[in-house]
Amino acid sequence: MTAKAQNATTVEINLKSTNSNFDTYITDRASSAVPM
């Protein structure tokens, strides 16, 4: 939220969404999604 308030793009990478207001959600294991 602090980052978004300054117009930063926000991304969540997690096994399942936290239902937060990120700009982009990537739902997968970190070991797969982070390198990609």
Full PDB file with SEQRES, HELIX, SHEET, SSBOND, CRYST1, ORIGX, SCALE, CONECT and MASTER records, all heavy atoms in Angstrom:
SEQRES   1 A   36  MET THR ALA LYS ALA GLN ASN ALA THR THR VAL GLU ILE          
SEQRES   2 A   36  ASN LEU LYS SER THR ASN SER ASN PHE ASP THR TYR ILE          
SEQRES   3 A   36  THR ASP ARG ALA SER SER ALA VAL PRO MET                      
HELIX    1 AA1 THR A    2  ALA A    5  1                                   4    
HELIX    2 AA2 ALA A   30  ALA A   33  1                                   4    
SHEET    1 AA1 2 VAL A  11  ASN A  14  0                                        
SHEET    2 AA1 2 THR A  24  THR A  27  1                                        
CRYST1    1.000    1.000    1.000  90.00  90.00  90.00 P 1           1          
ORIGX1      1.000000  0.000000  0.000000        0.00000                         
ORIGX2      0.000000  1.000000  0.000000        0.00000                         
ORIGX3      0.000000  0.000000  1.000000        0.00000                         
SCALE1      1.000000  0.000000  0.000000        0.00000                         
SCALE2      0.000000  1.000000  0.000000        0.00000                         
SCALE3      0.000000  0.000000  1.000000        0.00000                         
ATOM      1  N   MET A   1       0.825  -1.201   0.000  1.00  0.00           N  
ATOM      2  CA  MET A   1       0.000   0.000   0.000  1.00  0.00           C  
ATOM      3  C   MET A   1       0.868   1.264   0.000  1.00  0.00           C  
ATOM      4  O   MET A   1       0.554   2.244  -0.674  1.00  0.00           O  
ATOM      5  CB  MET A   1      -0.927  -0.001   1.209  1.00  0.00           C  
ATOM      6  CG  MET A   1      -1.959  -1.118   1.190  1.00  0.00           C  
ATOM      7  SD  MET A   1      -3.171  -0.896  -0.146  1.00  0.00           S  
ATOM      8  CE  MET A   1      -4.068   0.539   0.462  1.00  0.00           C  
ATOM      9  N   THR A   2       1.955   1.222   0.758  1.00  0.00           N  
ATOM     10  CA  THR A   2       2.890   2.354   0.766  1.00  0.00           C  
ATOM     11  C   THR A   2       3.477   2.563  -0.613  1.00  0.00           C  
ATOM     12  O   THR A   2       3.586   3.694  -1.098  1.00  0.00           O  
ATOM     13  CB  THR A   2       4.014   2.113   1.784  1.00  0.00           C  
ATOM     14  OG1 THR A   2       3.451   1.912   3.081  1.00  0.00           O  
ATOM     15  CG2 THR A   2       4.970   3.285   1.836  1.00  0.00           C  
ATOM     16  N   ALA A   3       3.862   1.459  -1.259  1.00  0.00           N  
ATOM     17  CA  ALA A   3       4.431   1.557  -2.605  1.00  0.00           C  
ATOM     18  C   ALA A   3       3.390   2.051  -3.609  1.00  0.00           C  
ATOM     19  O   ALA A   3       3.670   2.912  -4.450  1.00  0.00           O  
ATOM     20  CB  ALA A   3       4.991   0.201  -3.033  1.00  0.00           C  
ATOM     21  N   LYS A   4       2.164   1.541  -3.530  1.00  0.00           N  
ATOM     22  CA  LYS A   4       1.101   1.946  -4.448  1.00  0.00           C  
ATOM     23  C   LYS A   4       0.776   3.433  -4.300  1.00  0.00           C  
ATOM     24  O   LYS A   4       0.454   4.113  -5.285  1.00  0.00           O  
ATOM     25  CB  LYS A   4      -0.165   1.124  -4.198  1.00  0.00           C  
ATOM     26  CG  LYS A   4      -0.138  -0.262  -4.801  1.00  0.00           C  
ATOM     27  CD  LYS A   4      -1.381  -1.050  -4.447  1.00  0.00           C  
ATOM     28  CE  LYS A   4      -2.604  -0.533  -5.186  1.00  0.00           C  
ATOM     29  NZ  LYS A   4      -2.593  -0.926  -6.611  1.00  0.00           N  
ATOM     30  N   ALA A   5       0.878   3.937  -3.075  1.00  0.00           N  
ATOM     31  CA  ALA A   5       0.577   5.351  -2.841  1.00  0.00           C  
ATOM     32  C   ALA A   5       1.544   6.258  -3.586  1.00  0.00           C  
ATOM     33  O   ALA A   5       1.229   7.423  -3.858  1.00  0.00           O  
ATOM     34  CB  ALA A   5       0.608   5.654  -1.350  1.00  0.00           C  
ATOM     35  N   GLN A   6       2.711   5.723  -3.926  1.00  0.00           N  
ATOM     36  CA  GLN A   6       3.709   6.482  -4.684  1.00  0.00           C  
ATOM     37  C   GLN A   6       3.729   6.061  -6.153  1.00  0.00           C  
ATOM     38  O   GLN A   6       4.705   6.286  -6.865  1.00  0.00           O  
ATOM     39  CB  GLN A   6       5.098   6.285  -4.055  1.00  0.00           C  
ATOM     40  CG  GLN A   6       5.171   6.651  -2.587  1.00  0.00           C  
ATOM     41  CD  GLN A   6       4.846   8.100  -2.335  1.00  0.00           C  
ATOM     42  OE1 GLN A   6       5.242   8.975  -3.106  1.00  0.00           O  
ATOM     43  NE2 GLN A   6       4.126   8.386  -1.234  1.00  0.00           N  
ATOM     44  N   ASN A   7       2.648   5.398  -6.596  1.00  0.00           N  
ATOM     45  CA  ASN A   7       2.458   4.995  -7.996  1.00  0.00           C  
ATOM     46  C   ASN A   7       3.390   3.873  -8.444  1.00  0.00           C  
ATOM     47  O   ASN A   7       3.646   3.718  -9.649  1.00  0.00           O  
ATOM     48  CB  ASN A   7       2.612   6.210  -8.932  1.00  0.00           C  
ATOM     49  CG  ASN A   7       1.550   7.255  -8.681  1.00  0.00           C  
ATOM     50  OD1 ASN A   7       0.368   6.943  -8.523  1.00  0.00           O  
ATOM     51  ND2 ASN A   7       1.962   8.523  -8.623  1.00  0.00           N  
ATOM     52  N   ALA A   8       3.884   3.092  -7.506  1.00  0.00           N  
ATOM     53  CA  ALA A   8       4.679   1.923  -7.883  1.00  0.00           C  
ATOM     54  C   ALA A   8       3.756   0.805  -8.359  1.00  0.00           C  
ATOM     55  O   ALA A   8       2.613   0.688  -7.918  1.00  0.00           O  
ATOM     56  CB  ALA A   8       5.510   1.443  -6.701  1.00  0.00           C  
ATOM     57  N   THR A   9       4.251  -0.024  -9.261  1.00  0.00           N  
ATOM     58  CA  THR A   9       3.543  -1.234  -9.655  1.00  0.00           C  
ATOM     59  C   THR A   9       3.775  -2.294  -8.589  1.00  0.00           C  
ATOM     60  O   THR A   9       4.887  -2.436  -8.077  1.00  0.00           O  
ATOM     61  CB  THR A   9       4.062  -1.738 -11.010  1.00  0.00           C  
ATOM     62  OG1 THR A   9       3.848  -0.730 -11.996  1.00  0.00           O  
ATOM     63  CG2 THR A   9       3.350  -3.011 -11.429  1.00  0.00           C  
ATOM     64  N   THR A  10       2.726  -3.033  -8.243  1.00  0.00           N  
ATOM     65  CA  THR A  10       2.845  -4.026  -7.182  1.00  0.00           C  
ATOM     66  C   THR A  10       2.495  -5.406  -7.708  1.00  0.00           C  
ATOM     67  O   THR A  10       1.539  -5.580  -8.464  1.00  0.00           O  
ATOM     68  CB  THR A  10       1.928  -3.674  -5.998  1.00  0.00           C  
ATOM     69  OG1 THR A  10       0.567  -3.574  -6.443  1.00  0.00           O  
ATOM     70  CG2 THR A  10       2.345  -2.345  -5.374  1.00  0.00           C  
ATOM     71  N   VAL A  11       3.278  -6.403  -7.286  1.00  0.00           N  
ATOM     72  CA  VAL A  11       3.117  -7.781  -7.760  1.00  0.00           C  
ATOM     73  C   VAL A  11       3.139  -8.718  -6.562  1.00  0.00           C  
ATOM     74  O   VAL A  11       3.994  -8.593  -5.676  1.00  0.00           O  
ATOM     75  CB  VAL A  11       4.251  -8.170  -8.735  1.00  0.00           C  
ATOM     76  CG1 VAL A  11       4.097  -9.621  -9.194  1.00  0.00           C  
ATOM     77  CG2 VAL A  11       4.289  -7.223  -9.929  1.00  0.00           C  
ATOM     78  N   GLU A  12       2.215  -9.649  -6.546  1.00  0.00           N  
ATOM     79  CA  GLU A  12       2.194 -10.688  -5.517  1.00  0.00           C  
ATOM     80  C   GLU A  12       2.476 -12.038  -6.158  1.00  0.00           C  
ATOM     81  O   GLU A  12       1.821 -12.429  -7.124  1.00  0.00           O  
ATOM     82  CB  GLU A  12       0.837 -10.739  -4.821  1.00  0.00           C  
ATOM     83  CG  GLU A  12       0.747 -11.832  -3.755  1.00  0.00           C  
ATOM     84  CD  GLU A  12      -0.630 -11.897  -3.117  1.00  0.00           C  
ATOM     85  OE1 GLU A  12      -1.566 -12.410  -3.777  1.00  0.00           O  
ATOM     86  OE2 GLU A  12      -0.774 -11.430  -1.974  1.00  0.00           O  
ATOM     87  N   ILE A  13       3.465 -12.764  -5.619  1.00  0.00           N  
ATOM     88  CA  ILE A  13       3.778 -14.122  -6.047  1.00  0.00           C  
ATOM     89  C   ILE A  13       3.555 -15.024  -4.851  1.00  0.00           C  
ATOM     90  O   ILE A  13       4.254 -14.924  -3.838  1.00  0.00           O  
ATOM     91  CB  ILE A  13       5.229 -14.242  -6.551  1.00  0.00           C  
ATOM     92  CG1 ILE A  13       5.475 -13.303  -7.740  1.00  0.00           C  
ATOM     93  CG2 ILE A  13       5.547 -15.688  -6.934  1.00  0.00           C  
ATOM     94  CD1 ILE A  13       6.913 -13.290  -8.228  1.00  0.00           C  
ATOM     95  N   ASN A  14       2.570 -15.911  -4.951  1.00  0.00           N  
ATOM     96  CA  ASN A  14       2.199 -16.722  -3.802  1.00  0.00           C  
ATOM     97  C   ASN A  14       1.468 -17.978  -4.283  1.00  0.00           C  
ATOM     98  O   ASN A  14       0.957 -18.022  -5.396  1.00  0.00           O  
ATOM     99  CB  ASN A  14       1.279 -15.923  -2.869  1.00  0.00           C  
ATOM    100  CG  ASN A  14       1.455 -16.309  -1.413  1.00  0.00           C  
ATOM    101  OD1 ASN A  14       2.201 -17.228  -1.078  1.00  0.00           O  
ATOM    102  ND2 ASN A  14       0.747 -15.615  -0.531  1.00  0.00           N  
ATOM    103  N   LEU A  15       1.418 -18.979  -3.412  1.00  0.00           N  
ATOM    104  CA  LEU A  15       0.682 -20.194  -3.754  1.00  0.00           C  
ATOM    105  C   LEU A  15      -0.802 -19.902  -3.957  1.00  0.00           C  
ATOM    106  O   LEU A  15      -1.456 -20.508  -4.796  1.00  0.00           O  
ATOM    107  CB  LEU A  15       0.857 -21.243  -2.659  1.00  0.00           C  
ATOM    108  CG  LEU A  15       2.076 -22.156  -2.779  1.00  0.00           C  
ATOM    109  CD1 LEU A  15       2.166 -23.064  -1.555  1.00  0.00           C  
ATOM    110  CD2 LEU A  15       2.041 -22.974  -4.050  1.00  0.00           C  
ATOM    111  N   LYS A  16      -1.314 -18.974  -3.157  1.00  0.00           N  
ATOM    112  CA  LYS A  16      -2.697 -18.536  -3.343  1.00  0.00           C  
ATOM    113  C   LYS A  16      -2.783 -17.060  -3.000  1.00  0.00           C  
ATOM    114  O   LYS A  16      -2.009 -16.539  -2.194  1.00  0.00           O  
ATOM    115  CB  LYS A  16      -3.656 -19.349  -2.485  1.00  0.00           C  
ATOM    116  CG  LYS A  16      -3.317 -19.416  -1.024  1.00  0.00           C  
ATOM    117  CD  LYS A  16      -4.274 -20.355  -0.310  1.00  0.00           C  
ATOM    118  CE  LYS A  16      -3.920 -20.503   1.168  1.00  0.00           C  
ATOM    119  NZ  LYS A  16      -4.828 -21.441   1.864  1.00  0.00           N  
ATOM    120  N   SER A  17      -3.726 -16.384  -3.620  1.00  0.00           N  
ATOM    121  CA  SER A  17      -3.859 -14.945  -3.440  1.00  0.00           C  
ATOM    122  C   SER A  17      -4.202 -14.619  -1.990  1.00  0.00           C  
ATOM    123  O   SER A  17      -4.945 -15.336  -1.322  1.00  0.00           O  
ATOM    124  CB  SER A  17      -4.945 -14.401  -4.365  1.00  0.00           C  
ATOM    125  OG  SER A  17      -5.206 -13.038  -4.063  1.00  0.00           O  
ATOM    126  N   THR A  18      -3.661 -13.500  -1.508  1.00  0.00           N  
ATOM    127  CA  THR A  18      -4.006 -13.014  -0.175  1.00  0.00           C  
ATOM    128  C   THR A  18      -5.222 -12.092  -0.227  1.00  0.00           C  
ATOM    129  O   THR A  18      -5.608 -11.529   0.791  1.00  0.00           O  
ATOM    130  CB  THR A  18      -2.829 -12.233   0.432  1.00  0.00           C  
ATOM    131  OG1 THR A  18      -2.509 -11.114  -0.414  1.00  0.00           O  
ATOM    132  CG2 THR A  18      -1.603 -13.131   0.579  1.00  0.00           C  
ATOM    133  N   ASN A  19      -5.788 -11.943  -1.429  1.00  0.00           N  
ATOM    134  CA  ASN A  19      -6.952 -11.064  -1.634  1.00  0.00           C  
ATOM    135  C   ASN A  19      -6.637  -9.611  -1.335  1.00  0.00           C  
ATOM    136  O   ASN A  19      -7.515  -8.833  -0.972  1.00  0.00           O  
ATOM    137  CB  ASN A  19      -8.145 -11.530  -0.788  1.00  0.00           C  
ATOM    138  CG  ASN A  19      -8.645 -12.897  -1.186  1.00  0.00           C  
ATOM    139  OD1 ASN A  19      -8.790 -13.191  -2.367  1.00  0.00           O  
ATOM    140  ND2 ASN A  19      -8.887 -13.758  -0.201  1.00  0.00           N  
ATOM    141  N   SER A  20      -5.378  -9.257  -1.505  1.00  0.00           N  
ATOM    142  CA  SER A  20      -4.966  -7.864  -1.377  1.00  0.00           C  
ATOM    143  C   SER A  20      -5.070  -7.181  -2.736  1.00  0.00           C  
ATOM    144  O   SER A  20      -5.231  -7.836  -3.764  1.00  0.00           O  
ATOM    145  CB  SER A  20      -3.538  -7.781  -0.848  1.00  0.00           C  
ATOM    146  OG  SER A  20      -3.424  -8.432   0.411  1.00  0.00           O  
ATOM    147  N   ASN A  21      -4.936  -5.886  -2.744  1.00  0.00           N  
ATOM    148  CA  ASN A  21      -5.170  -5.115  -3.962  1.00  0.00           C  
ATOM    149  C   ASN A  21      -3.869  -4.873  -4.741  1.00  0.00           C  
ATOM    150  O   ASN A  21      -3.520  -3.748  -5.077  1.00  0.00           O  
ATOM    151  CB  ASN A  21      -5.834  -3.779  -3.606  1.00  0.00           C  
ATOM    152  CG  ASN A  21      -6.345  -3.044  -4.826  1.00  0.00           C  
ATOM    153  OD1 ASN A  21      -6.688  -3.662  -5.828  1.00  0.00           O  
ATOM    154  ND2 ASN A  21      -6.381  -1.725  -4.744  1.00  0.00           N  
ATOM    155  N   PHE A  22      -3.134  -5.951  -5.026  1.00  0.00           N  
ATOM    156  CA  PHE A  22      -1.947  -5.845  -5.867  1.00  0.00           C  
ATOM    157  C   PHE A  22      -2.373  -5.603  -7.314  1.00  0.00           C  
ATOM    158  O   PHE A  22      -3.477  -5.970  -7.716  1.00  0.00           O  
ATOM    159  CB  PHE A  22      -1.114  -7.121  -5.787  1.00  0.00           C  
ATOM    160  CG  PHE A  22      -0.315  -7.279  -4.526  1.00  0.00           C  
ATOM    161  CD1 PHE A  22      -0.897  -7.782  -3.372  1.00  0.00           C  
ATOM    162  CD2 PHE A  22       1.021  -6.923  -4.489  1.00  0.00           C  
ATOM    163  CE1 PHE A  22      -0.169  -7.937  -2.208  1.00  0.00           C  
ATOM    164  CE2 PHE A  22       1.769  -7.070  -3.335  1.00  0.00           C  
ATOM    165  CZ  PHE A  22       1.174  -7.577  -2.191  1.00  0.00           C  
ATOM    166  N   ASP A  23      -1.474  -5.017  -8.093  1.00  0.00           N  
ATOM    167  CA  ASP A  23      -1.759  -4.811  -9.513  1.00  0.00           C  
ATOM    168  C   ASP A  23      -1.735  -6.126 -10.281  1.00  0.00           C  
ATOM    169  O   ASP A  23      -2.513  -6.332 -11.208  1.00  0.00           O  
ATOM    170  CB  ASP A  23      -0.745  -3.847 -10.126  1.00  0.00           C  
ATOM    171  CG  ASP A  23      -0.820  -2.464  -9.510  1.00  0.00           C  
ATOM    172  OD1 ASP A  23      -1.935  -1.906  -9.452  1.00  0.00           O  
ATOM    173  OD2 ASP A  23       0.228  -1.937  -9.075  1.00  0.00           O  
ATOM    174  N   THR A  24      -0.813  -7.013  -9.899  1.00  0.00           N  
ATOM    175  CA  THR A  24      -0.654  -8.283 -10.598  1.00  0.00           C  
ATOM    176  C   THR A  24      -0.505  -9.406  -9.580  1.00  0.00           C  
ATOM    177  O   THR A  24       0.202  -9.260  -8.585  1.00  0.00           O  
ATOM    178  CB  THR A  24       0.586  -8.247 -11.521  1.00  0.00           C  
ATOM    179  OG1 THR A  24       0.393  -7.277 -12.534  1.00  0.00           O  
ATOM    180  CG2 THR A  24       0.815  -9.606 -12.183  1.00  0.00           C  
ATOM    181  N   TYR A  25      -1.192 -10.519  -9.846  1.00  0.00           N  
ATOM    182  CA  TYR A  25      -1.085 -11.702  -9.002  1.00  0.00           C  
ATOM    183  C   TYR A  25      -0.489 -12.844  -9.819  1.00  0.00           C  
ATOM    184  O   TYR A  25      -0.919 -13.086 -10.947  1.00  0.00           O  
ATOM    185  CB  TYR A  25      -2.460 -12.139  -8.486  1.00  0.00           C  
ATOM    186  CG  TYR A  25      -3.240 -11.055  -7.797  1.00  0.00           C  
ATOM    187  CD1 TYR A  25      -4.098 -10.231  -8.521  1.00  0.00           C  
ATOM    188  CD2 TYR A  25      -3.124 -10.857  -6.436  1.00  0.00           C  
ATOM    189  CE1 TYR A  25      -4.822  -9.233  -7.899  1.00  0.00           C  
ATOM    190  CE2 TYR A  25      -3.854  -9.865  -5.799  1.00  0.00           C  
ATOM    191  CZ  TYR A  25      -4.696  -9.053  -6.540  1.00  0.00           C  
ATOM    192  OH  TYR A  25      -5.406  -8.063  -5.920  1.00  0.00           O  
ATOM    193  N   ILE A  26       0.493 -13.524  -9.253  1.00  0.00           N  
ATOM    194  CA  ILE A  26       1.054 -14.723  -9.874  1.00  0.00           C  
ATOM    195  C   ILE A  26       0.877 -15.860  -8.866  1.00  0.00           C  
ATOM    196  O   ILE A  26       1.455 -15.831  -7.787  1.00  0.00           O  
ATOM    197  CB  ILE A  26       2.538 -14.546 -10.236  1.00  0.00           C  
ATOM    198  CG1 ILE A  26       2.714 -13.373 -11.198  1.00  0.00           C  
ATOM    199  CG2 ILE A  26       3.096 -15.838 -10.838  1.00  0.00           C  
ATOM    200  CD1 ILE A  26       4.148 -13.078 -11.546  1.00  0.00           C  
ATOM    201  N   THR A  27       0.056 -16.819  -9.229  1.00  0.00           N  
ATOM    202  CA  THR A  27      -0.275 -17.905  -8.308  1.00  0.00           C  
ATOM    203  C   THR A  27       0.501 -19.150  -8.697  1.00  0.00           C  
ATOM    204  O   THR A  27       0.182 -19.820  -9.676  1.00  0.00           O  
ATOM    205  CB  THR A  27      -1.788 -18.190  -8.340  1.00  0.00           C  
ATOM    206  OG1 THR A  27      -2.498 -16.979  -8.110  1.00  0.00           O  
ATOM    207  CG2 THR A  27      -2.167 -19.204  -7.269  1.00  0.00           C  
ATOM    208  N   ASP A  28       1.550 -19.436  -7.928  1.00  0.00           N  
ATOM    209  CA  ASP A  28       2.402 -20.595  -8.218  1.00  0.00           C  
ATOM    210  C   ASP A  28       3.417 -20.737  -7.092  1.00  0.00           C  
ATOM    211  O   ASP A  28       3.543 -19.868  -6.233  1.00  0.00           O  
ATOM    212  CB  ASP A  28       3.124 -20.400  -9.548  1.00  0.00           C  
ATOM    213  CG  ASP A  28       3.689 -21.699 -10.115  1.00  0.00           C  
ATOM    214  OD1 ASP A  28       3.493 -22.758  -9.482  1.00  0.00           O  
ATOM    215  OD2 ASP A  28       4.337 -21.659 -11.168  1.00  0.00           O  
ATOM    216  N   ARG A  29       4.154 -21.827  -7.114  1.00  0.00           N  
ATOM    217  CA  ARG A  29       5.259 -22.009  -6.177  1.00  0.00           C  
ATOM    218  C   ARG A  29       6.353 -20.978  -6.461  1.00  0.00           C  
ATOM    219  O   ARG A  29       6.641 -20.674  -7.631  1.00  0.00           O  
ATOM    220  CB  ARG A  29       5.836 -23.414  -6.311  1.00  0.00           C  
ATOM    221  CG  ARG A  29       4.895 -24.527  -5.901  1.00  0.00           C  
ATOM    222  CD  ARG A  29       5.365 -25.872  -6.417  1.00  0.00           C  
ATOM    223  NE  ARG A  29       6.715 -26.196  -5.949  1.00  0.00           N  
ATOM    224  CZ  ARG A  29       6.974 -26.876  -4.832  1.00  0.00           C  
ATOM    225  NH1 ARG A  29       5.973 -27.297  -4.074  1.00  0.00           N  
ATOM    226  NH2 ARG A  29       8.204 -27.145  -4.482  1.00  0.00           N  
ATOM    227  N   ALA A  30       6.978 -20.477  -5.418  1.00  0.00           N  
ATOM    228  CA  ALA A  30       8.041 -19.481  -5.593  1.00  0.00           C  
ATOM    229  C   ALA A  30       9.188 -20.036  -6.423  1.00  0.00           C  
ATOM    230  O   ALA A  30       9.758 -19.328  -7.270  1.00  0.00           O  
ATOM    231  CB  ALA A  30       8.547 -19.020  -4.226  1.00  0.00           C  
ATOM    232  N   SER A  31       9.530 -21.301  -6.216  1.00  0.00           N  
ATOM    233  CA  SER A  31      10.670 -21.879  -6.932  1.00  0.00           C  
ATOM    234  C   SER A  31      10.434 -21.938  -8.436  1.00  0.00           C  
ATOM    235  O   SER A  31      11.382 -21.993  -9.223  1.00  0.00           O  
ATOM    236  CB  SER A  31      10.966 -23.284  -6.401  1.00  0.00           C  
ATOM    237  OG  SER A  31       9.831 -24.122  -6.541  1.00  0.00           O  
ATOM    238  N   SER A  32       9.171 -21.917  -8.863  1.00  0.00           N  
ATOM    239  CA  SER A  32       8.848 -21.897 -10.292  1.00  0.00           C  
ATOM    240  C   SER A  32       8.633 -20.486 -10.800  1.00  0.00           C  
ATOM    241  O   SER A  32       9.159 -20.083 -11.841  1.00  0.00           O  
ATOM    242  CB  SER A  32       7.593 -22.731 -10.564  1.00  0.00           C  
ATOM    243  OG  SER A  32       7.775 -24.073 -10.202  1.00  0.00           O  
ATOM    244  N   ALA A  33       7.838 -19.708 -10.062  1.00  0.00           N  
ATOM    245  CA  ALA A  33       7.421 -18.395 -10.548  1.00  0.00           C  
ATOM    246  C   ALA A  33       8.518 -17.348 -10.460  1.00  0.00           C  
ATOM    247  O   ALA A  33       8.644 -16.494 -11.345  1.00  0.00           O  
ATOM    248  CB  ALA A  33       6.198 -17.925  -9.770  1.00  0.00           C  
ATOM    249  N   VAL A  34       9.318 -17.366  -9.401  1.00  0.00           N  
ATOM    250  CA  VAL A  34      10.322 -16.310  -9.205  1.00  0.00           C  
ATOM    251  C   VAL A  34      11.391 -16.326 -10.290  1.00  0.00           C  
ATOM    252  O   VAL A  34      11.691 -15.279 -10.880  1.00  0.00           O  
ATOM    253  CB  VAL A  34      10.936 -16.400  -7.793  1.00  0.00           C  
ATOM    254  CG1 VAL A  34      12.130 -15.453  -7.650  1.00  0.00           C  
ATOM    255  CG2 VAL A  34       9.881 -16.069  -6.739  1.00  0.00           C  
ATOM    256  N   PRO A  35      12.014 -17.469 -10.603  1.00  0.00           N  
ATOM    257  CA  PRO A  35      12.993 -17.457 -11.698  1.00  0.00           C  
ATOM    258  C   PRO A  35      12.389 -16.972 -13.014  1.00  0.00           C  
ATOM    259  O   PRO A  35      13.016 -16.190 -13.741  1.00  0.00           O  
ATOM    260  CB  PRO A  35      13.444 -18.919 -11.789  1.00  0.00           C  
ATOM    261  CG  PRO A  35      13.205 -19.468 -10.429  1.00  0.00           C  
ATOM    262  CD  PRO A  35      11.953 -18.797  -9.953  1.00  0.00           C  
ATOM    263  N   MET A  36      11.187 -17.415 -13.335  1.00  0.00           N  
ATOM    264  CA  MET A  36      10.553 -17.024 -14.584  1.00  0.00           C  
ATOM    265  C   MET A  36      10.276 -15.521 -14.618  1.00  0.00           C  
ATOM    266  O   MET A  36      10.573 -14.838 -15.603  1.00  0.00           O  
ATOM    267  CB  MET A  36       9.253 -17.811 -14.779  1.00  0.00           C  
ATOM    268  CG  MET A  36       8.591 -17.609 -16.129  1.00  0.00           C  
ATOM    269  SD  MET A  36       7.087 -18.612 -16.298  1.00  0.00           S  
ATOM    270  CE  MET A  36       7.748 -20.265 -16.078  1.00  0.00           C  
TER     271      MET A  36                                                      
MASTER        0    0    0    2    2    0    0    6  270    1    0    3          
END                                                                             
